[in-house]
N, C-alpha and C. Protein backbone atom coordinates (compact mmCIF):
# COMPACT_ATOMS: atom_id res chain seq x y z
N MET A 1 5.22 -11.68 10.38
CA MET A 1 3.92 -11.38 8.81
C MET A 1 5.16 -10.34 7.98
N ILE A 2 5.02 -10.38 6.73
CA ILE A 2 5.13 -9.49 5.95
C ILE A 2 4.28 -9.19 4.81
N VAL A 3 4.36 -7.70 4.68
CA VAL A 3 2.91 -7.13 4.16
C VAL A 3 3.56 -5.86 2.80
N LEU A 4 2.96 -6.25 1.81
CA LEU A 4 3.40 -5.37 0.81
C LEU A 4 2.00 -4.02 0.96
N GLY A 5 2.48 -3.13 1.09
CA GLY A 5 1.65 -1.80 1.03
C GLY A 5 1.54 -1.26 -0.63
N ILE A 6 0.34 -1.00 -0.57
CA ILE A 6 0.37 -0.42 -2.03
C ILE A 6 -0.62 0.97 -1.89
N ASP A 7 -0.20 1.83 -2.76
CA ASP A 7 -0.63 3.27 -2.99
C ASP A 7 -1.35 3.30 -4.23
N PRO A 8 -2.31 2.96 -4.76
CA PRO A 8 -2.70 2.41 -5.95
C PRO A 8 -2.88 4.06 -6.95
N GLY A 9 -2.31 3.57 -7.85
CA GLY A 9 -2.64 4.96 -9.10
C GLY A 9 -2.20 4.35 -10.71
N TYR A 10 -2.09 5.06 -11.69
CA TYR A 10 -1.52 4.81 -12.66
C TYR A 10 -0.41 5.61 -13.07
N ALA A 11 -0.35 6.76 -12.15
CA ALA A 11 1.26 7.21 -13.14
C ALA A 11 1.86 7.02 -12.01
N ILE A 12 1.91 7.06 -10.58
CA ILE A 12 2.63 6.37 -9.81
C ILE A 12 2.06 5.77 -8.70
N VAL A 13 2.56 4.60 -8.92
CA VAL A 13 1.62 3.39 -7.52
C VAL A 13 3.24 3.42 -6.20
N GLY A 14 2.63 3.98 -5.01
CA GLY A 14 3.73 3.59 -4.45
C GLY A 14 3.58 2.10 -3.88
N CYS A 15 4.90 1.68 -3.19
CA CYS A 15 4.96 0.37 -2.84
C CYS A 15 5.72 0.30 -1.35
N GLY A 16 5.38 -0.38 -0.43
CA GLY A 16 6.49 -0.56 0.72
C GLY A 16 6.17 -1.70 1.18
N VAL A 17 7.10 -2.96 1.43
CA VAL A 17 7.07 -4.15 2.14
C VAL A 17 7.78 -3.71 3.84
N VAL A 18 6.99 -4.47 4.67
CA VAL A 18 7.18 -4.38 5.95
C VAL A 18 6.98 -5.65 6.20
N GLU A 19 8.24 -5.75 7.46
CA GLU A 19 8.01 -7.12 8.40
C GLU A 19 7.44 -6.74 9.62
N TYR A 20 6.57 -7.30 10.63
CA TYR A 20 5.80 -7.22 11.69
C TYR A 20 6.32 -8.00 12.20
N LYS A 21 7.52 -8.40 13.20
CA LYS A 21 7.61 -9.59 14.27
C LYS A 21 8.09 -9.16 15.54
N ASP A 22 7.40 -9.90 16.50
CA ASP A 22 7.39 -9.59 18.01
C ASP A 22 6.68 -7.92 18.47
N ASN A 23 5.93 -7.25 17.43
CA ASN A 23 5.31 -6.50 17.66
C ASN A 23 6.18 -5.25 17.39
N LYS A 24 7.24 -5.33 16.47
CA LYS A 24 8.15 -4.29 16.09
C LYS A 24 8.31 -4.69 14.32
N PHE A 25 8.41 -3.10 13.81
CA PHE A 25 8.06 -3.06 12.58
C PHE A 25 9.73 -3.29 11.97
N ARG A 26 10.01 -3.66 10.60
CA ARG A 26 11.30 -3.32 9.85
C ARG A 26 10.63 -2.99 8.35
N MET A 27 11.47 -2.01 7.94
CA MET A 27 10.66 -2.07 6.57
C MET A 27 11.94 -2.90 5.72
N LEU A 28 11.42 -3.06 4.74
CA LEU A 28 12.18 -3.73 3.74
C LEU A 28 12.51 -3.44 2.53
N GLU A 29 11.48 -2.71 2.04
CA GLU A 29 11.72 -1.92 0.91
C GLU A 29 11.00 -1.05 0.66
N TYR A 30 10.87 0.04 0.18
CA TYR A 30 10.08 0.72 -0.50
C TYR A 30 10.14 1.91 -1.86
N GLY A 31 9.42 2.44 -2.64
CA GLY A 31 9.78 2.35 -3.82
C GLY A 31 8.20 3.36 -4.56
N ALA A 32 8.35 3.09 -5.94
CA ALA A 32 7.09 3.86 -6.69
C ALA A 32 7.37 3.18 -8.36
N VAL A 33 6.28 2.68 -8.50
CA VAL A 33 6.34 2.35 -9.98
C VAL A 33 5.69 3.52 -10.64
N LEU A 34 6.66 3.66 -11.89
CA LEU A 34 6.34 5.37 -12.44
C LEU A 34 5.65 5.07 -13.79
N THR A 35 4.97 5.49 -13.97
CA THR A 35 4.87 5.50 -15.80
C THR A 35 4.38 6.67 -16.33
N ASP A 36 4.97 6.89 -17.68
CA ASP A 36 5.17 8.48 -18.26
C ASP A 36 3.83 8.44 -19.04
N ALA A 37 3.24 9.90 -18.81
CA ALA A 37 1.81 10.34 -18.94
C ALA A 37 1.81 10.03 -20.44
N GLY A 38 2.71 9.92 -21.49
CA GLY A 38 2.78 9.64 -23.11
C GLY A 38 2.64 8.52 -23.77
N THR A 39 2.87 7.54 -22.35
CA THR A 39 2.54 6.26 -22.71
C THR A 39 1.15 5.67 -23.08
N PRO A 40 1.21 4.73 -24.04
CA PRO A 40 -0.52 4.33 -24.03
C PRO A 40 -0.86 3.48 -22.99
N PHE A 41 -2.17 3.88 -22.52
CA PHE A 41 -2.52 3.42 -21.01
C PHE A 41 -2.34 1.91 -20.95
N ASN A 42 -2.76 1.18 -21.67
CA ASN A 42 -2.64 -0.34 -21.85
C ASN A 42 -1.09 -0.88 -21.56
N GLU A 43 -0.59 0.10 -21.81
CA GLU A 43 1.32 0.00 -21.69
C GLU A 43 1.90 0.38 -20.26
N ARG A 44 0.90 0.95 -20.01
CA ARG A 44 1.16 2.09 -18.52
C ARG A 44 0.58 0.65 -17.58
N LEU A 45 -0.67 -0.35 -17.49
CA LEU A 45 -1.14 -1.02 -16.52
C LEU A 45 0.29 -2.10 -16.93
N GLU A 46 0.39 -2.44 -18.13
CA GLU A 46 1.00 -3.54 -18.33
C GLU A 46 2.32 -3.59 -17.19
N LYS A 47 2.83 -2.37 -17.47
CA LYS A 47 4.10 -1.85 -16.55
C LYS A 47 3.92 -1.97 -15.07
N ILE A 48 2.88 -1.31 -14.72
CA ILE A 48 2.60 -1.78 -13.40
C ILE A 48 2.37 -3.06 -12.79
N TYR A 49 1.58 -4.12 -13.82
CA TYR A 49 1.64 -4.93 -13.21
C TYR A 49 3.10 -6.01 -13.17
N ASP A 50 3.83 -5.59 -14.24
CA ASP A 50 4.92 -6.45 -14.25
C ASP A 50 5.74 -5.85 -13.35
N ASP A 51 5.92 -4.91 -12.91
CA ASP A 51 6.63 -4.32 -11.86
C ASP A 51 6.48 -4.91 -10.39
N VAL A 52 5.24 -4.85 -10.22
CA VAL A 52 4.01 -5.29 -8.68
C VAL A 52 4.87 -6.65 -8.58
N ASN A 53 4.40 -7.38 -9.89
CA ASN A 53 4.50 -8.66 -9.99
C ASN A 53 6.03 -8.93 -9.49
N ALA A 54 7.11 -8.40 -9.93
CA ALA A 54 8.50 -8.73 -9.98
C ALA A 54 8.50 -8.56 -8.12
N LEU A 55 7.83 -7.36 -7.79
CA LEU A 55 8.54 -6.93 -6.37
C LEU A 55 7.76 -8.19 -5.56
N ILE A 56 6.64 -8.44 -5.88
CA ILE A 56 5.95 -9.83 -5.05
C ILE A 56 6.93 -10.71 -5.03
N SER A 57 7.50 -10.96 -6.35
CA SER A 57 8.15 -12.67 -6.04
C SER A 57 9.70 -12.39 -5.29
N LYS A 58 10.13 -11.27 -4.81
CA LYS A 58 11.01 -11.28 -3.94
C LYS A 58 10.72 -11.44 -2.66
N TYR A 59 9.73 -11.54 -1.74
CA TYR A 59 9.33 -11.74 -0.90
C TYR A 59 8.46 -12.72 -0.57
N PRO A 60 8.49 -13.37 0.73
CA PRO A 60 7.11 -14.49 1.12
C PRO A 60 5.85 -13.65 1.80
N LEU A 61 5.30 -12.96 1.06
CA LEU A 61 4.09 -12.03 1.48
C LEU A 61 3.44 -12.96 2.08
N ASP A 62 2.64 -12.28 3.23
CA ASP A 62 1.59 -12.97 4.24
C ASP A 62 0.37 -12.37 3.93
N ALA A 63 0.54 -10.90 2.90
CA ALA A 63 -0.74 -10.08 2.47
C ALA A 63 -0.18 -8.90 1.71
N VAL A 64 -1.15 -8.58 1.01
CA VAL A 64 -1.21 -7.20 0.66
C VAL A 64 -2.12 -6.20 1.00
N ALA A 65 -2.19 -5.19 1.38
CA ALA A 65 -2.93 -4.09 1.79
C ALA A 65 -2.75 -2.81 0.94
N MET A 66 -4.16 -2.74 0.35
CA MET A 66 -4.28 -1.66 -0.38
C MET A 66 -5.51 -0.61 0.12
N GLU A 67 -5.22 0.51 -0.29
CA GLU A 67 -6.11 1.66 -0.11
C GLU A 67 -7.35 1.50 -0.87
N LYS A 68 -8.75 1.31 0.13
CA LYS A 68 -10.10 1.59 -0.94
C LYS A 68 -10.38 2.40 -1.65
N LEU A 69 -10.87 2.16 -2.95
CA LEU A 69 -10.80 3.23 -3.58
C LEU A 69 -12.14 4.41 -2.96
N PHE A 70 -12.13 5.52 -3.57
CA PHE A 70 -13.00 6.35 -3.35
C PHE A 70 -13.36 7.47 -4.21
N PHE A 71 -14.62 7.88 -4.72
CA PHE A 71 -14.63 8.31 -6.01
C PHE A 71 -14.73 9.95 -5.47
N ASN A 72 -13.99 10.42 -6.16
CA ASN A 72 -14.07 12.39 -5.93
C ASN A 72 -14.87 13.02 -7.09
N THR A 73 -14.60 13.84 -7.54
CA THR A 73 -15.12 14.61 -8.70
C THR A 73 -14.69 14.22 -10.35
N ASN A 74 -13.03 14.05 -10.00
CA ASN A 74 -12.75 13.39 -11.61
C ASN A 74 -12.81 11.83 -11.81
N GLN A 75 -14.24 11.55 -12.68
CA GLN A 75 -14.68 10.35 -12.50
C GLN A 75 -13.21 9.57 -13.76
N LYS A 76 -12.96 10.43 -14.52
CA LYS A 76 -11.74 9.94 -15.70
C LYS A 76 -10.82 9.29 -14.56
N THR A 77 -10.17 10.37 -13.86
CA THR A 77 -9.10 9.57 -13.06
C THR A 77 -9.50 8.71 -11.77
N ALA A 78 -10.66 8.72 -11.61
CA ALA A 78 -11.30 7.39 -10.67
C ALA A 78 -11.35 6.25 -11.37
N ILE A 79 -11.84 6.19 -12.81
CA ILE A 79 -12.03 5.07 -13.54
C ILE A 79 -10.20 4.44 -13.93
N ASP A 80 -9.68 5.59 -14.42
CA ASP A 80 -8.09 5.06 -14.81
C ASP A 80 -7.30 4.63 -13.23
N VAL A 81 -7.94 5.29 -12.13
CA VAL A 81 -6.90 4.36 -11.05
C VAL A 81 -7.89 3.12 -10.53
N ALA A 82 -9.20 2.72 -10.90
CA ALA A 82 -9.50 1.58 -10.64
C ALA A 82 -9.36 0.76 -11.70
N GLN A 83 -8.64 0.83 -12.63
CA GLN A 83 -8.42 -0.09 -13.60
C GLN A 83 -6.61 -0.30 -13.69
N ALA A 84 -6.14 0.34 -12.49
CA ALA A 84 -4.38 0.33 -12.24
C ALA A 84 -4.95 -0.99 -10.90
N ARG A 85 -5.81 -0.38 -10.09
CA ARG A 85 -5.88 -1.17 -8.98
C ARG A 85 -6.40 -2.56 -9.20
N GLY A 86 -7.23 -2.65 -10.03
CA GLY A 86 -7.50 -3.96 -11.03
C GLY A 86 -6.32 -4.88 -10.90
N VAL A 87 -5.52 -4.24 -12.05
CA VAL A 87 -4.28 -5.06 -12.27
C VAL A 87 -3.13 -5.45 -11.03
N LEU A 88 -3.48 -4.40 -9.99
CA LEU A 88 -2.71 -4.64 -8.80
C LEU A 88 -3.17 -5.92 -7.81
N VAL A 89 -4.39 -5.86 -7.83
CA VAL A 89 -5.45 -7.08 -7.40
C VAL A 89 -5.04 -8.43 -8.20
N LEU A 90 -4.96 -8.38 -9.58
CA LEU A 90 -4.96 -9.52 -10.45
C LEU A 90 -3.49 -10.21 -9.56
N ALA A 91 -2.21 -9.11 -9.95
CA ALA A 91 -0.79 -9.77 -9.46
C ALA A 91 -0.64 -10.24 -8.10
N ALA A 92 -1.81 -9.64 -7.32
CA ALA A 92 -1.65 -10.87 -5.82
C ALA A 92 -2.20 -11.86 -5.86
N CYS A 93 -3.53 -11.70 -6.60
CA CYS A 93 -4.24 -12.75 -6.72
C CYS A 93 -3.62 -13.89 -7.51
N LYS A 94 -3.03 -13.69 -8.75
CA LYS A 94 -1.94 -14.86 -9.53
C LYS A 94 -0.61 -15.35 -8.57
N ASN A 95 -0.67 -14.40 -7.44
CA ASN A 95 0.48 -14.78 -6.50
C ASN A 95 -0.16 -15.54 -5.20
N ASN A 96 -1.40 -15.86 -5.56
CA ASN A 96 -2.10 -16.63 -3.98
C ASN A 96 -2.00 -15.64 -3.11
N ILE A 97 -2.11 -14.44 -3.06
CA ILE A 97 -1.82 -13.79 -1.87
C ILE A 97 -2.83 -12.90 -1.63
N PRO A 98 -3.59 -12.98 -0.24
CA PRO A 98 -4.75 -12.24 0.39
C PRO A 98 -4.73 -10.63 0.29
N VAL A 99 -5.34 -9.81 -0.23
CA VAL A 99 -5.68 -8.45 -0.79
C VAL A 99 -6.51 -7.82 0.37
N PHE A 100 -5.93 -7.10 1.43
CA PHE A 100 -6.79 -6.39 2.35
C PHE A 100 -7.13 -4.92 2.13
N GLU A 101 -8.01 -4.18 2.02
CA GLU A 101 -8.59 -2.79 1.66
C GLU A 101 -9.20 -2.20 3.29
N TYR A 102 -8.24 -0.75 2.66
CA TYR A 102 -8.26 0.16 4.24
C TYR A 102 -8.44 1.19 3.80
N THR A 103 -9.35 2.49 4.45
CA THR A 103 -9.71 3.64 3.85
C THR A 103 -8.92 4.45 4.59
N PRO A 104 -8.60 5.64 4.38
CA PRO A 104 -7.38 6.69 4.64
C PRO A 104 -7.72 6.74 5.71
N LEU A 105 -9.01 6.96 6.23
CA LEU A 105 -9.18 6.78 7.91
C LEU A 105 -8.62 6.16 9.08
N GLN A 106 -9.03 4.74 8.24
CA GLN A 106 -8.54 3.68 9.17
C GLN A 106 -6.80 3.42 9.00
N VAL A 107 -6.64 3.57 8.07
CA VAL A 107 -4.86 4.26 7.93
C VAL A 107 -4.40 5.32 9.29
N LYS A 108 -5.26 6.33 9.32
CA LYS A 108 -4.64 7.19 10.06
C LYS A 108 -5.05 6.85 11.26
N GLN A 109 -6.17 6.24 11.47
CA GLN A 109 -6.24 6.17 13.21
C GLN A 109 -5.27 4.77 13.53
N SER A 110 -4.92 3.76 12.52
CA SER A 110 -4.05 3.04 13.00
C SER A 110 -2.45 3.10 12.98
N VAL A 111 -2.30 4.57 12.33
CA VAL A 111 -0.69 4.50 12.16
C VAL A 111 -0.26 5.80 13.23
N VAL A 112 -1.15 6.83 13.48
CA VAL A 112 -1.33 8.01 14.22
C VAL A 112 -2.24 7.97 15.44
N GLY A 113 -3.00 7.18 15.35
CA GLY A 113 -4.26 7.14 16.63
C GLY A 113 -5.09 8.03 16.58
N TYR A 114 -5.35 8.90 15.70
CA TYR A 114 -5.98 9.90 15.13
C TYR A 114 -6.79 10.08 13.85
N GLY A 115 -7.98 9.50 13.44
CA GLY A 115 -8.48 9.51 11.98
C GLY A 115 -8.74 10.78 11.22
N ARG A 116 -8.38 11.70 12.02
CA ARG A 116 -8.05 13.57 11.28
C ARG A 116 -6.94 13.74 11.08
N ALA A 117 -5.65 12.84 11.46
CA ALA A 117 -4.53 13.50 11.40
C ALA A 117 -4.14 13.94 10.16
N GLU A 118 -3.47 14.97 9.90
CA GLU A 118 -2.62 15.32 8.90
C GLU A 118 -1.61 14.48 8.08
N LYS A 119 -1.68 14.62 6.40
CA LYS A 119 -0.73 13.64 6.49
C LYS A 119 0.48 13.75 6.53
N LYS A 120 1.21 14.75 6.94
CA LYS A 120 2.87 15.03 7.63
C LYS A 120 2.67 14.43 8.73
N GLN A 121 1.59 14.11 9.80
CA GLN A 121 1.61 13.41 11.10
C GLN A 121 1.65 11.92 10.57
N VAL A 122 1.14 11.45 9.66
CA VAL A 122 1.20 9.82 9.25
C VAL A 122 2.56 9.72 8.62
N GLN A 123 3.06 10.57 7.88
CA GLN A 123 4.26 10.17 7.47
C GLN A 123 5.37 10.37 8.30
N GLU A 124 5.48 11.65 9.28
CA GLU A 124 6.45 10.97 10.62
C GLU A 124 6.28 9.79 11.47
N MET A 125 4.76 9.37 11.42
CA MET A 125 5.07 8.52 12.54
C MET A 125 5.32 7.15 12.03
N THR A 126 5.33 7.09 10.36
CA THR A 126 5.42 6.28 9.85
C THR A 126 6.82 5.88 9.97
N ARG A 127 7.84 7.10 9.68
CA ARG A 127 9.34 7.04 10.05
C ARG A 127 9.59 6.48 10.84
N ILE A 128 8.89 6.87 12.27
CA ILE A 128 9.69 6.55 13.73
C ILE A 128 8.99 4.94 13.79
N LEU A 129 7.80 4.87 13.52
CA LEU A 129 7.45 3.24 13.68
C LEU A 129 8.64 2.45 12.35
N LEU A 130 9.08 2.82 11.35
CA LEU A 130 9.91 2.39 10.91
C LEU A 130 11.25 2.73 10.88
N ASN A 131 11.70 3.20 12.20
CA ASN A 131 12.64 3.50 12.66
C ASN A 131 13.71 3.79 11.03
N LEU A 132 13.25 4.87 10.79
CA LEU A 132 13.73 5.45 9.27
C LEU A 132 14.33 7.01 9.78
N GLU A 133 15.47 7.22 8.93
CA GLU A 133 15.98 8.45 9.25
C GLU A 133 15.14 9.67 9.07
N LYS A 134 14.75 9.31 7.77
CA LYS A 134 14.15 10.64 6.84
C LYS A 134 12.67 9.92 6.35
N ILE A 135 11.58 10.81 6.36
CA ILE A 135 10.54 10.37 5.42
C ILE A 135 10.22 9.66 4.34
N PRO A 136 10.11 8.52 3.95
CA PRO A 136 10.35 7.87 2.52
C PRO A 136 9.80 8.73 1.39
N LYS A 137 10.49 8.62 0.25
CA LYS A 137 9.78 9.94 -0.42
C LYS A 137 9.92 8.69 -2.04
N PRO A 138 9.04 9.07 -3.13
CA PRO A 138 8.14 9.69 -2.93
C PRO A 138 6.98 9.16 -1.89
N ASP A 139 5.68 10.90 -1.97
CA ASP A 139 4.80 10.72 -1.13
C ASP A 139 4.11 9.14 -1.02
N ASP A 140 3.84 8.90 -2.00
CA ASP A 140 2.86 7.76 -2.46
C ASP A 140 3.92 6.27 -1.84
N ALA A 141 5.09 6.18 -1.69
CA ALA A 141 5.91 5.19 -1.00
C ALA A 141 5.71 5.10 0.54
N ALA A 142 5.51 6.53 0.84
CA ALA A 142 5.44 6.96 2.47
C ALA A 142 3.90 6.10 2.87
N ASP A 143 3.17 6.33 2.09
CA ASP A 143 1.79 5.85 2.15
C ASP A 143 1.37 4.48 2.23
N ALA A 144 2.12 4.08 1.14
CA ALA A 144 2.31 2.45 0.94
C ALA A 144 2.65 2.16 2.46
N LEU A 145 3.74 2.49 2.93
CA LEU A 145 4.30 1.69 4.20
C LEU A 145 3.77 2.11 5.12
N ALA A 146 2.95 3.30 5.06
CA ALA A 146 1.75 3.60 6.14
C ALA A 146 0.46 2.15 6.28
N MET A 147 -0.25 1.86 4.81
CA MET A 147 -0.97 1.45 4.55
C MET A 147 -0.59 -0.56 5.33
N ALA A 148 0.97 -0.63 5.10
CA ALA A 148 1.79 -1.81 5.11
C ALA A 148 1.47 -2.17 6.75
N ILE A 149 1.75 -0.94 7.74
CA ILE A 149 1.65 -0.84 9.22
C ILE A 149 0.41 -1.29 9.57
N CYS A 150 -1.04 -0.33 8.58
CA CYS A 150 -2.05 -0.15 9.22
C CYS A 150 -2.43 -1.72 9.50
N HIS A 151 -2.13 -2.48 8.03
CA HIS A 151 -2.44 -4.15 7.82
C HIS A 151 -2.12 -5.03 9.43
N CYS A 152 -1.02 -4.66 9.37
CA CYS A 152 0.11 -5.11 10.83
C CYS A 152 -1.11 -4.99 12.19
N HIS A 153 -0.92 -3.79 12.20
CA HIS A 153 -1.80 -3.45 13.24
C HIS A 153 -3.06 -4.52 13.22
N SER A 154 -4.14 -4.35 11.90
CA SER A 154 -5.41 -4.76 11.96
C SER A 154 -5.41 -6.34 12.44
N ALA A 155 -4.20 -6.84 11.05
CA ALA A 155 -4.40 -8.30 11.65
C ALA A 155 -3.67 -8.69 12.93
N GLY A 156 -3.34 -7.95 13.62
CA GLY A 156 -2.58 -8.96 14.67
C GLY A 156 -3.22 -8.67 16.17
N SER A 157 -4.49 -7.97 15.60
CA SER A 157 -5.43 -8.04 16.73
C SER A 157 -6.55 -8.88 16.69
N ARG A 158 -7.51 -8.82 17.96
CA ARG A 158 -8.13 -9.98 17.98
C ARG A 158 -9.39 -10.01 16.96
N LEU A 159 -9.81 -8.68 16.86
CA LEU A 159 -10.74 -8.58 15.87
C LEU A 159 -10.36 -8.40 14.12
N GLY A 160 -8.81 -8.58 13.70
CA GLY A 160 -8.71 -8.72 12.65
C GLY A 160 -8.47 -10.18 12.20
N ALA A 161 -8.23 -11.06 13.20
CA ALA A 161 -8.31 -12.38 13.53
C ALA A 161 -9.45 -12.86 13.29
N LEU A 162 -10.64 -12.18 13.96
CA LEU A 162 -12.14 -12.90 13.98
C LEU A 162 -12.13 -12.13 12.49
N LYS A 163 -11.84 -11.09 11.65
CA LYS A 163 -12.59 -10.83 10.61
C LYS A 163 -12.02 -12.07 9.51
N ARG A 164 -10.45 -12.16 9.55
CA ARG A 164 -10.34 -13.22 8.87
C ARG A 164 -10.68 -15.10 8.38
N GLY A 165 -11.56 -14.46 9.73
CA GLY A 165 -12.34 -15.92 9.99
C GLY A 165 -11.60 -17.23 10.89
């Protein structure tokens, strides 16, 4: 199974591609789509779509795993992230790749085994599971890789198979 994990945003979109085979993980690629603050918002969305679409076309993806949105106190930021997330979902849908959503709690439980794990613990466990020398940077890319790992664990379980129908 090959999964693209995405940490949605509009300034930085974390991306990480993970292969899960025979109960082993292999990192294929990670990075981030960066958009400049001075760029008109619609152009930022277009860059996000184009860059993620290019990444999607590089791999025979089985799934896209993305963080489920939650609203914080800054509604302007939440709305902008939701718009960027919509563009990301569209890129997956246009390529016939199913999108799965996970909460931060689900990712922490899946990667670390503890739902209240600290960010550094999740990053370190991601590094270990992917057999990397150092924690991926930027943090958004590390979060995206953790998202992909979470989906691999979930999809590989009997419960995950039941959810998929």
